[in-house]
Amino acid sequence: MKTRRKIGEENIRKLTKFAGGSSYGITLPIGYIRELGWKERQKLTVRKVGKKLIVEDWEK
């Protein structure tokens, strides 16, 4: 059974700890992924700016 999010909670996500405990992950809204044109297994960069994380397309 798929749970639907309440209106206004579409962008609230939880951190998930991966097996092994050395990494965490989050799911991203499919609308954002489609809007950015990102694909499965695409390389991304993550950087910390103040108290925020910025996730961007990886460029060589």
PDB file of N, CA and C in Angstrom:
ATOM      1  N   MET A   1       0.838  -1.182   0.000  1.00  0.00           N
ATOM      2  CA  MET A   1       0.000   0.000   0.000  1.00  0.00           C
ATOM      3  C   MET A   1       0.881   1.243   0.000  1.00  0.00           C
ATOM      4  N   LYS A   2       0.603   2.152  -0.869  1.00  0.00           N
ATOM      5  CA  LYS A   2       1.374   3.381  -0.988  1.00  0.00           C
ATOM      6  C   LYS A   2       0.702   4.466  -0.142  1.00  0.00           C
ATOM      7  N   THR A   3       1.505   5.133   0.694  1.00  0.00           N
ATOM      8  CA  THR A   3       0.989   6.185   1.549  1.00  0.00           C
ATOM      9  C   THR A   3       1.076   7.517   0.825  1.00  0.00           C
ATOM     10  N   ARG A   4       0.009   8.279   0.865  1.00  0.00           N
ATOM     11  CA  ARG A   4       0.000   9.599   0.246  1.00  0.00           C
ATOM     12  C   ARG A   4       0.359  10.644   1.283  1.00  0.00           C
ATOM     13  N   ARG A   5       1.115  11.630   0.873  1.00  0.00           N
ATOM     14  CA  ARG A   5       1.496  12.723   1.772  1.00  0.00           C
ATOM     15  C   ARG A   5       0.359  13.744   1.839  1.00  0.00           C
ATOM     16  N   LYS A   6       0.261  14.401   2.970  1.00  0.00           N
ATOM     17  CA  LYS A   6      -0.738  15.441   3.140  1.00  0.00           C
ATOM     18  C   LYS A   6      -0.321  16.675   2.346  1.00  0.00           C
ATOM     19  N   ILE A   7      -1.291  17.490   1.985  1.00  0.00           N
ATOM     20  CA  ILE A   7      -1.000  18.733   1.274  1.00  0.00           C
ATOM     21  C   ILE A   7      -0.090  19.581   2.147  1.00  0.00           C
ATOM     22  N   GLY A   8       0.967  20.109   1.560  1.00  0.00           N
ATOM     23  CA  GLY A   8       1.927  20.921   2.293  1.00  0.00           C
ATOM     24  C   GLY A   8       3.102  20.121   2.821  1.00  0.00           C
ATOM     25  N   GLU A   9       3.027  18.787   2.735  1.00  0.00           N
ATOM     26  CA  GLU A   9       4.110  17.933   3.230  1.00  0.00           C
ATOM     27  C   GLU A   9       4.840  17.207   2.100  1.00  0.00           C
ATOM     28  N   GLU A  10       4.614  17.625   0.865  1.00  0.00           N
ATOM     29  CA  GLU A  10       5.211  16.949  -0.284  1.00  0.00           C
ATOM     30  C   GLU A  10       6.732  16.975  -0.247  1.00  0.00           C
ATOM     31  N   ASN A  11       7.307  18.018   0.337  1.00  0.00           N
ATOM     32  CA  ASN A  11       8.759  18.172   0.318  1.00  0.00           C
ATOM     33  C   ASN A  11       9.419  17.836   1.646  1.00  0.00           C
ATOM     34  N   ILE A  12       8.680  17.247   2.570  1.00  0.00           N
ATOM     35  CA  ILE A  12       9.264  16.825   3.844  1.00  0.00           C
ATOM     36  C   ILE A  12       9.760  15.393   3.669  1.00  0.00           C
ATOM     37  N   ARG A  13      11.036  15.175   3.923  1.00  0.00           N
ATOM     38  CA  ARG A  13      11.659  13.867   3.722  1.00  0.00           C
ATOM     39  C   ARG A  13      12.393  13.442   4.981  1.00  0.00           C
ATOM     40  N   LYS A  14      12.664  12.147   5.104  1.00  0.00           N
ATOM     41  CA  LYS A  14      13.416  11.608   6.236  1.00  0.00           C
ATOM     42  C   LYS A  14      14.753  11.073   5.756  1.00  0.00           C
ATOM     43  N   LEU A  15      15.756  11.162   6.627  1.00  0.00           N
ATOM     44  CA  LEU A  15      17.050  10.553   6.344  1.00  0.00           C
ATOM     45  C   LEU A  15      16.950   9.052   6.553  1.00  0.00           C
ATOM     46  N   THR A  16      17.589   8.290   5.698  1.00  0.00           N
ATOM     47  CA  THR A  16      17.625   6.840   5.811  1.00  0.00           C
ATOM     48  C   THR A  16      19.074   6.399   5.916  1.00  0.00           C
ATOM     49  N   LYS A  17      19.375   5.562   6.905  1.00  0.00           N
ATOM     50  CA  LYS A  17      20.727   5.055   7.081  1.00  0.00           C
ATOM     51  C   LYS A  17      20.896   3.794   6.236  1.00  0.00           C
ATOM     52  N   PHE A  18      21.955   3.753   5.433  1.00  0.00           N
ATOM     53  CA  PHE A  18      22.214   2.596   4.584  1.00  0.00           C
ATOM     54  C   PHE A  18      22.903   1.499   5.381  1.00  0.00           C
ATOM     55  N   ALA A  19      22.819   0.293   4.875  1.00  0.00           N
ATOM     56  CA  ALA A  19      23.493  -0.841   5.503  1.00  0.00           C
ATOM     57  C   ALA A  19      24.979  -0.538   5.631  1.00  0.00           C
ATOM     58  N   GLY A  20      25.552  -0.882   6.745  1.00  0.00           N
ATOM     59  CA  GLY A  20      26.954  -0.584   6.995  1.00  0.00           C
ATOM     60  C   GLY A  20      27.107   0.662   7.847  1.00  0.00           C
ATOM     61  N   GLY A  21      26.105   1.538   7.795  1.00  0.00           N
ATOM     62  CA  GLY A  21      26.059   2.696   8.670  1.00  0.00           C
ATOM     63  C   GLY A  21      27.000   3.838   8.355  1.00  0.00           C
ATOM     64  N   SER A  22      27.672   3.820   7.200  1.00  0.00           N
ATOM     65  CA  SER A  22      28.605   4.909   6.910  1.00  0.00           C
ATOM     66  C   SER A  22      28.005   5.967   5.983  1.00  0.00           C
ATOM     67  N   SER A  23      26.790   5.742   5.494  1.00  0.00           N
ATOM     68  CA  SER A  23      26.144   6.694   4.587  1.00  0.00           C
ATOM     69  C   SER A  23      24.665   6.830   4.900  1.00  0.00           C
ATOM     70  N   TYR A  24      24.136   7.991   4.558  1.00  0.00           N
ATOM     71  CA  TYR A  24      22.709   8.265   4.675  1.00  0.00           C
ATOM     72  C   TYR A  24      22.179   8.671   3.315  1.00  0.00           C
ATOM     73  N   GLY A  25      20.879   8.559   3.125  1.00  0.00           N
ATOM     74  CA  GLY A  25      20.278   8.973   1.869  1.00  0.00           C
ATOM     75  C   GLY A  25      18.901   9.562   2.101  1.00  0.00           C
ATOM     76  N   ILE A  26      18.415  10.272   1.109  1.00  0.00           N
ATOM     77  CA  ILE A  26      17.048  10.790   1.109  1.00  0.00           C
ATOM     78  C   ILE A  26      16.449  10.531  -0.264  1.00  0.00           C
ATOM     79  N   THR A  27      15.137  10.479  -0.324  1.00  0.00           N
ATOM     80  CA  THR A  27      14.472  10.407  -1.621  1.00  0.00           C
ATOM     81  C   THR A  27      14.154  11.831  -2.042  1.00  0.00           C
ATOM     82  N   LEU A  28      14.184  12.075  -3.334  1.00  0.00           N
ATOM     83  CA  LEU A  28      13.894  13.397  -3.871  1.00  0.00           C
ATOM     84  C   LEU A  28      12.572  13.351  -4.630  1.00  0.00           C
ATOM     85  N   PRO A  29      11.812  14.423  -4.594  1.00  0.00           N
ATOM     86  CA  PRO A  29      10.541  14.454  -5.320  1.00  0.00           C
ATOM     87  C   PRO A  29      10.751  14.241  -6.816  1.00  0.00           C
ATOM     88  N   ILE A  30       9.966  13.352  -7.406  1.00  0.00           N
ATOM     89  CA  ILE A  30      10.110  13.006  -8.823  1.00  0.00           C
ATOM     90  C   ILE A  30       9.935  14.236  -9.720  1.00  0.00           C
ATOM     91  N   GLY A  31       9.096  15.169  -9.311  1.00  0.00           N
ATOM     92  CA  GLY A  31       8.891  16.385 -10.103  1.00  0.00           C
ATOM     93  C   GLY A  31      10.166  17.184 -10.273  1.00  0.00           C
ATOM     94  N   TYR A  32      10.956  17.289  -9.205  1.00  0.00           N
ATOM     95  CA  TYR A  32      12.223  18.008  -9.283  1.00  0.00           C
ATOM     96  C   TYR A  32      13.197  17.266 -10.194  1.00  0.00           C
ATOM     97  N   ILE A  33      13.244  15.956 -10.069  1.00  0.00           N
ATOM     98  CA  ILE A  33      14.156  15.149 -10.889  1.00  0.00           C
ATOM     99  C   ILE A  33      13.814  15.312 -12.368  1.00  0.00           C
ATOM    100  N   ARG A  34      12.555  15.239 -12.683  1.00  0.00           N
ATOM    101  CA  ARG A  34      12.123  15.404 -14.085  1.00  0.00           C
ATOM    102  C   ARG A  34      12.404  16.811 -14.588  1.00  0.00           C
ATOM    103  N   GLU A  35      12.127  17.815 -13.757  1.00  0.00           N
ATOM    104  CA  GLU A  35      12.347  19.203 -14.144  1.00  0.00           C
ATOM    105  C   GLU A  35      13.823  19.478 -14.438  1.00  0.00           C
ATOM    106  N   LEU A  36      14.709  18.850 -13.662  1.00  0.00           N
ATOM    107  CA  LEU A  36      16.148  19.030 -13.859  1.00  0.00           C
ATOM    108  C   LEU A  36      16.718  18.126 -14.949  1.00  0.00           C
ATOM    109  N   GLY A  37      15.920  17.157 -15.412  1.00  0.00           N
ATOM    110  CA  GLY A  37      16.380  16.250 -16.460  1.00  0.00           C
ATOM    111  C   GLY A  37      17.385  15.219 -15.963  1.00  0.00           C
ATOM    112  N   TRP A  38      17.400  14.962 -14.650  1.00  0.00           N
ATOM    113  CA  TRP A  38      18.324  13.990 -14.081  1.00  0.00           C
ATOM    114  C   TRP A  38      17.854  12.574 -14.365  1.00  0.00           C
ATOM    115  N   LYS A  39      18.807  11.656 -14.476  1.00  0.00           N
ATOM    116  CA  LYS A  39      18.530  10.254 -14.773  1.00  0.00           C
ATOM    117  C   LYS A  39      19.070   9.360 -13.662  1.00  0.00           C
ATOM    118  N   GLU A  40      18.570   8.140 -13.613  1.00  0.00           N
ATOM    119  CA  GLU A  40      19.033   7.163 -12.630  1.00  0.00           C
ATOM    120  C   GLU A  40      20.542   6.949 -12.781  1.00  0.00           C
ATOM    121  N   ARG A  41      21.253   6.867 -11.664  1.00  0.00           N
ATOM    122  CA  ARG A  41      22.694   6.622 -11.574  1.00  0.00           C
ATOM    123  C   ARG A  41      23.542   7.784 -12.090  1.00  0.00           C
ATOM    124  N   GLN A  42      22.919   8.933 -12.322  1.00  0.00           N
ATOM    125  CA  GLN A  42      23.655  10.122 -12.743  1.00  0.00           C
ATOM    126  C   GLN A  42      24.558  10.578 -11.598  1.00  0.00           C
ATOM    127  N   LYS A  43      25.747  11.057 -11.942  1.00  0.00           N
ATOM    128  CA  LYS A  43      26.665  11.568 -10.924  1.00  0.00           C
ATOM    129  C   LYS A  43      26.239  12.967 -10.500  1.00  0.00           C
ATOM    130  N   LEU A  44      26.251  13.193  -9.182  1.00  0.00           N
ATOM    131  CA  LEU A  44      25.898  14.483  -8.607  1.00  0.00           C
ATOM    132  C   LEU A  44      26.977  14.905  -7.632  1.00  0.00           C
ATOM    133  N   THR A  45      27.096  16.195  -7.405  1.00  0.00           N
ATOM    134  CA  THR A  45      28.009  16.694  -6.381  1.00  0.00           C
ATOM    135  C   THR A  45      27.176  17.214  -5.211  1.00  0.00           C
ATOM    136  N   VAL A  46      27.736  17.085  -4.013  1.00  0.00           N
ATOM    137  CA  VAL A  46      27.087  17.589  -2.804  1.00  0.00           C
ATOM    138  C   VAL A  46      28.093  18.477  -2.096  1.00  0.00           C
ATOM    139  N   ARG A  47      27.673  19.695  -1.766  1.00  0.00           N
ATOM    140  CA  ARG A  47      28.561  20.589  -1.022  1.00  0.00           C
ATOM    141  C   ARG A  47      27.767  21.267   0.089  1.00  0.00           C
ATOM    142  N   LYS A  48      28.475  21.616   1.143  1.00  0.00           N
ATOM    143  CA  LYS A  48      27.864  22.242   2.304  1.00  0.00           C
ATOM    144  C   LYS A  48      28.091  23.743   2.230  1.00  0.00           C
ATOM    145  N   VAL A  49      27.020  24.512   2.362  1.00  0.00           N
ATOM    146  CA  VAL A  49      27.081  25.968   2.385  1.00  0.00           C
ATOM    147  C   VAL A  49      26.314  26.411   3.631  1.00  0.00           C
ATOM    148  N   GLY A  50      27.042  26.840   4.653  1.00  0.00           N
ATOM    149  CA  GLY A  50      26.394  27.191   5.914  1.00  0.00           C
ATOM    150  C   GLY A  50      25.729  25.961   6.502  1.00  0.00           C
ATOM    151  N   LYS A  51      24.428  26.047   6.742  1.00  0.00           N
ATOM    152  CA  LYS A  51      23.675  24.910   7.294  1.00  0.00           C
ATOM    153  C   LYS A  51      22.852  24.204   6.221  1.00  0.00           C
ATOM    154  N   LYS A  52      23.233  24.376   4.967  1.00  0.00           N
ATOM    155  CA  LYS A  52      22.499  23.766   3.854  1.00  0.00           C
ATOM    156  C   LYS A  52      23.409  22.848   3.054  1.00  0.00           C
ATOM    157  N   LEU A  53      22.811  21.861   2.402  1.00  0.00           N
ATOM    158  CA  LEU A  53      23.512  21.023   1.442  1.00  0.00           C
ATOM    159  C   LEU A  53      23.010  21.379   0.052  1.00  0.00           C
ATOM    160  N   ILE A  54      23.931  21.568  -0.868  1.00  0.00           N
ATOM    161  CA  ILE A  54      23.600  21.877  -2.254  1.00  0.00           C
ATOM    162  C   ILE A  54      23.914  20.650  -3.101  1.00  0.00           C
ATOM    163  N   VAL A  55      22.925  20.145  -3.824  1.00  0.00           N
ATOM    164  CA  VAL A  55      23.104  18.978  -4.694  1.00  0.00           C
ATOM    165  C   VAL A  55      23.009  19.475  -6.129  1.00  0.00           C
ATOM    166  N   GLU A  56      24.054  19.209  -6.908  1.00  0.00           N
ATOM    167  CA  GLU A  56      24.104  19.689  -8.283  1.00  0.00           C
ATOM    168  C   GLU A  56      24.587  18.593  -9.223  1.00  0.00           C
ATOM    169  N   ASP A  57      24.295  18.781 -10.501  1.00  0.00           N
ATOM    170  CA  ASP A  57      24.805  17.876 -11.536  1.00  0.00           C
ATOM    171  C   ASP A  57      26.323  17.922 -11.510  1.00  0.00           C
ATOM    172  N   TRP A  58      26.976  16.783 -11.638  1.00  0.00           N
ATOM    173  CA  TRP A  58      28.431  16.702 -11.663  1.00  0.00           C
ATOM    174  C   TRP A  58      28.918  17.081 -13.044  1.00  0.00           C
ATOM    175  N   GLU A  59      29.920  17.943 -13.091  1.00  0.00           N
ATOM    176  CA  GLU A  59      30.522  18.333 -14.364  1.00  0.00           C
ATOM    177  C   GLU A  59      32.000  17.971 -14.331  1.00  0.00           C
ATOM    178  N   LYS A  60      32.511  17.418 -15.428  1.00  0.00           N
ATOM    179  CA  LYS A  60      33.924  17.039 -15.501  1.00  0.00           C
ATOM    180  C   LYS A  60      34.818  18.231 -15.406  1.00  0.00           C
TER     181      LYS A  60
END
